[in-house]
Protein backbone atom coordinates (compact mmCIF):
# COMPACT_ATOMS: atom_id res chain seq x y z
CA MET A 1 -0.02 0.03 -0.02
CA TYR A 2 1.30 3.45 -0.93
CA LEU A 3 0.59 6.02 1.83
CA LYS A 4 0.73 9.84 1.88
CA ARG A 5 0.85 10.24 5.67
CA ILE A 6 2.41 8.16 8.38
CA GLU A 7 -0.79 8.53 10.36
CA ASP A 8 -2.49 6.41 7.63
CA VAL A 9 -0.23 3.46 8.33
CA PRO A 10 -2.49 0.69 9.74
CA HIS A 11 -2.08 -0.15 13.43
CA THR A 12 -0.06 -3.25 14.15
CA GLU A 13 1.64 -4.52 17.32
CA GLU A 14 5.00 -4.69 15.54
CA ARG A 15 6.26 -2.97 12.43
CA ALA A 16 9.71 -2.96 10.73
CA VAL A 17 10.79 0.45 9.40
CA ILE A 18 13.38 1.03 6.65
CA ILE A 19 14.36 4.56 5.59
CA ASN A 20 15.58 4.99 2.06
CA CYS A 21 17.62 7.99 0.95
CA SER A 22 18.68 7.32 -2.68
CA THR A 23 20.29 3.93 -1.90
CA LYS A 24 17.98 1.74 -4.01
CA GLU A 25 20.30 -1.27 -4.43
CA VAL A 26 21.11 -1.89 -0.80
CA THR A 27 17.68 -0.83 0.33
CA THR A 28 16.17 -3.57 -1.81
CA LEU A 29 18.37 -6.08 -0.01
CA ALA A 30 17.29 -4.64 3.36
CA VAL A 31 13.59 -4.81 2.46
CA LEU A 32 13.66 -8.34 1.09
CA SER A 33 15.75 -9.76 3.91
CA THR A 34 13.40 -8.09 6.43
CA LEU A 35 10.30 -9.48 4.64
CA ARG A 36 11.92 -12.94 4.71
CA HIS A 37 13.08 -13.02 8.34
CA ALA A 38 11.22 -10.48 10.49
CA GLU A 39 7.63 -11.93 10.26
CA MET A 40 6.04 -8.52 10.72
CA PRO A 41 4.71 -5.75 8.44
CA VAL A 42 7.35 -3.68 6.72
CA LEU A 43 7.14 0.07 6.04
CA LEU A 44 9.61 1.63 3.65
CA ILE A 45 9.94 5.41 3.97
CA ASP A 46 11.37 7.03 0.90
CA CYS A 47 12.95 10.45 1.64
CA ASP A 48 13.00 12.45 -1.57
CA SER A 49 15.20 9.94 -3.39
CA LYS A 50 16.80 10.99 -6.60
CA ASP A 51 17.80 7.59 -8.01
CA GLY A 52 14.38 6.33 -9.11
CA SER A 53 13.79 4.50 -5.82
CA LEU A 54 10.17 5.44 -5.41
CA GLU A 55 9.12 4.13 -8.86
CA PHE A 56 11.20 1.05 -8.39
CA PHE A 57 9.75 0.16 -5.01
CA LEU A 58 6.25 0.93 -6.09
CA ASP A 59 6.81 -1.64 -8.81
CA LEU A 60 8.33 -4.07 -6.27
CA MET A 61 5.23 -3.66 -4.09
CA ARG A 62 3.22 -5.51 -6.71
CA ARG A 63 5.28 -8.63 -5.94
CA PHE A 64 5.83 -8.26 -2.21
CA ASP A 65 3.66 -7.32 0.78
CA LEU A 66 5.13 -3.91 1.50
CA ASP A 67 3.90 -0.50 2.59
CA ILE A 68 5.56 2.59 1.18
CA LEU A 69 5.48 6.15 2.45
CA SER A 70 7.06 9.24 0.96
CA ALA A 71 8.61 11.80 3.34
CA PRO A 72 10.90 14.87 3.15
CA LEU A 73 14.65 14.37 3.46
CA ARG A 74 15.83 15.46 6.88
CA GLY A 75 18.51 14.50 9.37
CA HIS A 76 18.41 10.88 10.45
CA GLY A 77 17.68 11.76 14.05
CA VAL A 78 15.00 14.22 13.19
CA THR A 79 13.30 11.55 10.98
CA LEU A 80 13.49 8.97 13.75
CA ASP A 81 11.95 11.46 16.25
CA TRP A 82 9.07 12.00 13.82
CA ILE A 83 8.48 8.33 13.24
CA PHE A 84 8.26 7.41 16.86
CA ARG A 85 6.02 10.36 17.68
CA THR A 86 3.46 9.34 15.07
CA ILE A 87 3.73 5.62 14.09
CA ASN A 88 0.76 3.48 14.99
CA ALA A 89 2.61 0.49 16.46
CA GLU A 90 3.55 -0.86 19.81
CA LYS A 91 7.03 -1.99 18.86
CA THR A 92 9.20 -0.77 15.99
CA LEU A 93 12.10 -2.70 14.38
CA LEU A 94 14.48 -0.30 12.77
CA VAL A 95 16.53 -1.78 9.89
CA ASP A 96 19.14 0.34 8.16
CA SER A 97 18.73 0.69 4.39
CA ASP A 98 22.21 -0.72 3.98
CA ALA A 99 21.81 -3.74 6.19
CA GLU A 100 20.85 -7.34 5.28
CA ILE A 101 19.42 -9.64 7.94
CA LEU A 102 21.09 -12.96 7.53
CA ASP A 103 19.72 -15.02 10.45
CA PRO A 104 16.34 -14.66 12.11
CA ALA A 105 17.99 -15.95 15.42
CA ILE A 106 18.69 -12.38 16.36
CA LEU A 107 15.04 -11.49 15.97
CA HIS A 108 14.04 -14.41 18.15
CA PHE A 109 16.58 -13.11 20.70
CA MET A 110 14.87 -9.67 20.62
CA HIS A 111 11.44 -11.17 21.02
CA ARG A 112 12.49 -13.22 23.96
CA TYR A 113 12.95 -10.02 26.06
CA ILE A 114 11.14 -7.10 24.38
CA ASP A 115 7.78 -7.83 26.04
CA GLU A 116 9.19 -7.72 29.57
CA PRO A 117 7.57 -4.73 31.33
CA SER A 118 11.00 -3.27 32.22
CA THR A 119 12.51 -3.60 28.76
CA PHE A 120 12.47 -0.62 26.30
CA GLY A 121 14.55 -2.26 23.53
CA ALA A 122 16.66 -5.09 22.32
CA GLY A 123 19.39 -5.68 19.75
CA PHE A 124 23.06 -4.90 19.86
CA VAL A 125 24.82 -2.24 22.00
CA ASN A 126 27.41 0.03 20.45
CA GLY A 127 30.07 1.50 22.74
CA PRO A 128 31.30 2.85 24.98
CA THR A 129 34.64 2.78 23.18
CA TRP A 130 37.33 5.02 21.76
CA ILE A 131 36.94 6.02 18.16
CA ASP A 132 40.21 4.80 16.54
CA ASP A 133 39.05 3.91 13.03
CA LEU A 134 38.49 7.36 11.48
CA PRO A 135 41.94 8.69 10.57
CA GLY A 136 41.88 12.35 9.68
CA ASP A 137 38.25 12.73 10.91
CA PRO A 138 37.51 15.43 13.54
CA LEU A 139 36.18 12.63 15.77
CA GLU A 140 39.35 10.58 15.60
CA GLY A 141 40.33 9.92 19.23
CA ALA A 142 36.99 10.88 20.63
CA TYR A 143 35.05 8.62 23.02
CA LEU A 144 31.87 7.04 21.70
CA HIS A 145 28.98 7.10 24.14
CA GLU A 146 26.96 3.96 24.72
CA ARG A 147 23.93 3.55 22.35
CA PRO A 148 21.85 1.09 20.50
CA TRP A 149 23.55 -0.32 17.37
CA MET A 150 21.11 1.45 15.07
CA PRO A 151 21.37 -0.67 11.90
CA LEU A 152 19.17 -3.28 13.64
CA THR A 153 17.33 -2.50 16.83
CA MET A 154 13.78 -3.06 18.27
CA LEU A 155 12.27 -0.38 20.45
CA LYS A 156 9.03 -0.05 22.41
CA VAL A 157 7.23 3.01 21.04
CA LYS A 158 5.66 4.12 24.32
CA TYR A 159 8.95 4.37 26.11
CA VAL A 160 10.62 6.24 23.21
CA ARG A 161 7.75 8.69 23.19
CA GLU A 162 8.31 9.23 26.90
CA ALA A 163 11.96 10.06 26.17
CA LEU A 164 10.96 12.40 23.38
CA ALA A 165 8.44 14.14 25.66
CA ALA A 166 11.30 14.68 28.19
CA GLY A 167 13.23 16.61 25.51
CA VAL A 168 15.47 13.82 24.38
CA SER A 169 16.18 13.24 20.64
CA PHE A 170 17.58 10.56 18.41
CA SER A 171 19.85 13.23 16.84
CA ALA A 172 23.63 12.94 17.17
CA ARG A 173 25.61 15.51 19.13
CA THR A 174 29.11 16.03 20.38
CA ILE A 175 30.10 16.73 24.00
CA TYR A 176 33.10 18.86 24.48
CA ASN A 177 34.68 17.89 27.85
CA ASP A 178 37.84 19.90 28.46
CA PHE A 179 36.19 22.00 31.10
CA PHE A 180 33.39 20.30 33.18
CA PHE A 181 31.96 23.75 33.98
CA SER A 182 31.71 25.07 30.38
CA GLU A 183 31.06 23.06 27.26
CA LYS A 184 31.33 26.30 25.26
CA LEU A 185 34.85 26.90 26.45
CA SER A 186 35.68 23.24 25.78
CA HIS A 187 34.40 23.62 22.21
CA GLN A 188 36.57 26.72 21.66
CA LEU A 189 39.65 24.86 22.87
CA CYS A 190 38.85 21.90 20.56
CA ARG A 191 38.48 24.26 17.54
CA LEU A 192 41.76 25.94 18.46
CA ARG A 193 43.61 22.58 18.50
CA ALA A 194 41.99 21.58 15.20
CA ARG A 195 42.80 24.83 13.45
CA PHE A 196 46.35 25.28 14.73
CA PRO A 197 48.36 22.05 14.99
CA MET A 198 50.93 23.63 17.22
CA PHE A 199 48.28 23.73 19.95
CA ARG A 200 47.44 20.03 19.85
CA TRP A 201 49.78 19.39 22.68
CA LEU A 202 47.62 21.62 24.88
CA GLN A 203 45.61 19.32 27.13
CA THR A 204 43.59 20.22 30.15
CA PRO A 205 44.11 18.34 33.47
CA GLN A 206 41.84 15.42 33.94
CA LEU A 207 40.36 16.96 37.14
CA LEU A 208 38.78 19.61 34.88
CA ARG A 209 36.95 16.95 32.82
CA LYS A 210 33.78 14.94 33.49
CA ASN A 211 34.18 11.23 33.91
CA PHE A 212 32.66 8.85 31.29
CA TYR A 213 32.87 5.10 32.08
CA GLY A 214 36.15 5.63 34.09
CA HIS A 215 37.70 7.83 31.38
CA THR A 216 38.08 11.57 30.97
CA PRO A 217 38.07 12.17 27.24
CA SER A 218 38.40 15.58 25.60
CA VAL A 219 35.51 14.83 23.20
CA VAL A 220 32.55 12.47 23.62
CA TYR A 221 30.46 11.64 20.56
CA CYS A 222 26.78 10.78 20.99
CA ASP A 223 25.87 9.11 17.74
CA THR A 224 22.19 8.56 16.61
CA GLY A 225 20.09 7.11 19.37
CA THR A 226 22.54 7.73 22.22
CA GLU A 227 20.46 10.16 24.20
CA VAL A 228 17.37 7.91 23.92
CA LEU A 229 19.27 5.02 25.46
CA GLN A 230 20.99 7.16 28.06
CA TYR A 231 17.61 8.53 29.27
CA LEU A 232 15.70 5.30 29.26
CA LYS A 233 18.45 3.15 30.70
CA TYR A 234 20.13 5.44 33.28
CA GLN A 235 17.35 7.81 34.24
CA ARG A 236 14.30 5.68 33.89
CA GLU A 237 16.23 2.46 34.81
CA LEU A 238 14.65 0.40 32.04
CA ALA A 239 16.46 -2.37 30.23
CA PHE A 240 18.06 -2.54 26.83
CA VAL A 241 18.74 -6.25 26.25
CA ALA A 242 21.67 -6.52 23.83
CA LEU A 243 24.66 -8.38 22.55
CA PRO A 244 27.86 -6.39 21.95
CA ASP A 245 27.86 -4.96 18.47
CA LYS A 246 31.05 -6.85 17.49
CA PHE A 247 28.90 -9.99 17.22
CA HIS A 248 26.44 -8.47 14.65
CA ARG A 249 28.21 -10.12 11.66
CA ARG A 250 26.82 -13.46 12.68
CA TYR A 251 23.32 -12.21 12.00
CA VAL A 252 23.56 -8.98 9.93
CA THR A 253 25.65 -7.61 7.08
CA HIS A 254 26.09 -3.83 7.27
CA PHE A 255 27.44 -2.30 4.10
CA GLY A 256 29.65 0.37 5.51
CA GLY A 257 27.13 3.09 6.20
CA LEU A 258 26.17 3.82 2.63
CA THR A 259 23.13 5.83 3.81
CA ARG A 260 25.46 8.33 5.44
CA VAL A 261 27.51 8.47 2.24
CA ALA A 262 24.40 9.32 0.24
CA LEU A 263 23.59 12.09 2.80
CA ASP A 264 27.17 13.39 2.49
CA GLN A 265 27.80 12.58 6.17
CA SER A 266 30.75 10.21 5.53
CA ASN A 267 33.12 9.16 2.81
CA VAL A 268 33.64 5.81 1.15
CA ALA A 269 36.16 5.37 -1.71
CA THR A 270 34.56 4.89 -5.14
CA SER A 271 36.27 1.58 -5.58
CA LYS A 272 34.70 0.31 -2.33
CA LYS A 273 31.25 1.50 -3.35
CA ILE A 274 31.61 -0.35 -6.70
CA LEU A 275 32.58 -3.54 -4.88
CA ILE A 276 29.66 -3.14 -2.50
CA ARG A 277 27.15 -2.62 -5.36
CA ARG A 278 28.52 -5.73 -7.11
CA GLU A 279 28.15 -7.80 -3.91
CA VAL A 280 24.67 -6.52 -3.27
CA ALA A 281 23.65 -7.32 -6.92
CA ARG A 282 25.04 -10.84 -6.44
CA ARG A 283 23.09 -11.36 -3.21
CA LEU A 284 19.86 -10.08 -4.74
CA ARG A 285 20.27 -12.23 -7.77
CA GLU A 286 21.26 -15.43 -5.96
CA GLY A 287 19.21 -15.05 -2.78
CA TYR A 288 16.02 -13.36 -3.98
CA GLY A 289 15.90 -13.69 -7.76
CA ILE A 290 16.05 -9.94 -8.31
CA GLU A 291 18.10 -8.53 -11.18
CA LEU A 292 19.03 -4.84 -10.91
CA SER A 293 20.10 -2.97 -14.04
CA GLU A 294 23.54 -1.31 -14.01
């Protein structure tokens, strides 16, 4: 069914949601693997795609039981805030548009705990950890705050709405931590070090910084979903039942954050993108009988 408003999406206890932003090839794999393994209705939200996605998925809808909704292109966190404020479901399974579910065992794991009264979500947990895989990026050396691993996570809508009503958002943000009494001053020092390499040696004493998980980093990055988890887990004392994200490869393939590439939020070499597209095309052909044109 093609829908004009999210309010028109039929009520269901569970619904999988996939957000497409001009990543037609990998989104197709995400949709078909979710339909195969998730055993729940699937909603594809197309955000002003420029690669023919909407027409392609409307045609695909004739062959598969799929709901499609058009929406404006906004920041990922803003879009997630909007979804959880308005979706007509009790539980929502978020599936990244560049993820392929390989094994339904992870969904069985989520279902084993999600209905416990004290549980707000289930999936994989990402962080806390040092960011050491982004050479040359401003966040290289920052500390990643604990959050749900967003490529595949199930959340109870009522608890997320409670967090949103408390002023929390899915949106990412950066905490500057050089001075515990002034994030503004910490930000200015961070910019100074980034702009003038000769000041990179300038570090504030640890006693001036807030403690995060036993560490006192200069910069803490709150990626998408961090603040929702932090509020519900540590303020509301609800449970997020999760495996460490390093085990996700047993159950899910995540194709390098291609959605963020499409939104110009990260970079992937052209050669790597070509290899990913070839692999996605192979998986679609061999696993689902779908041929994508070049």
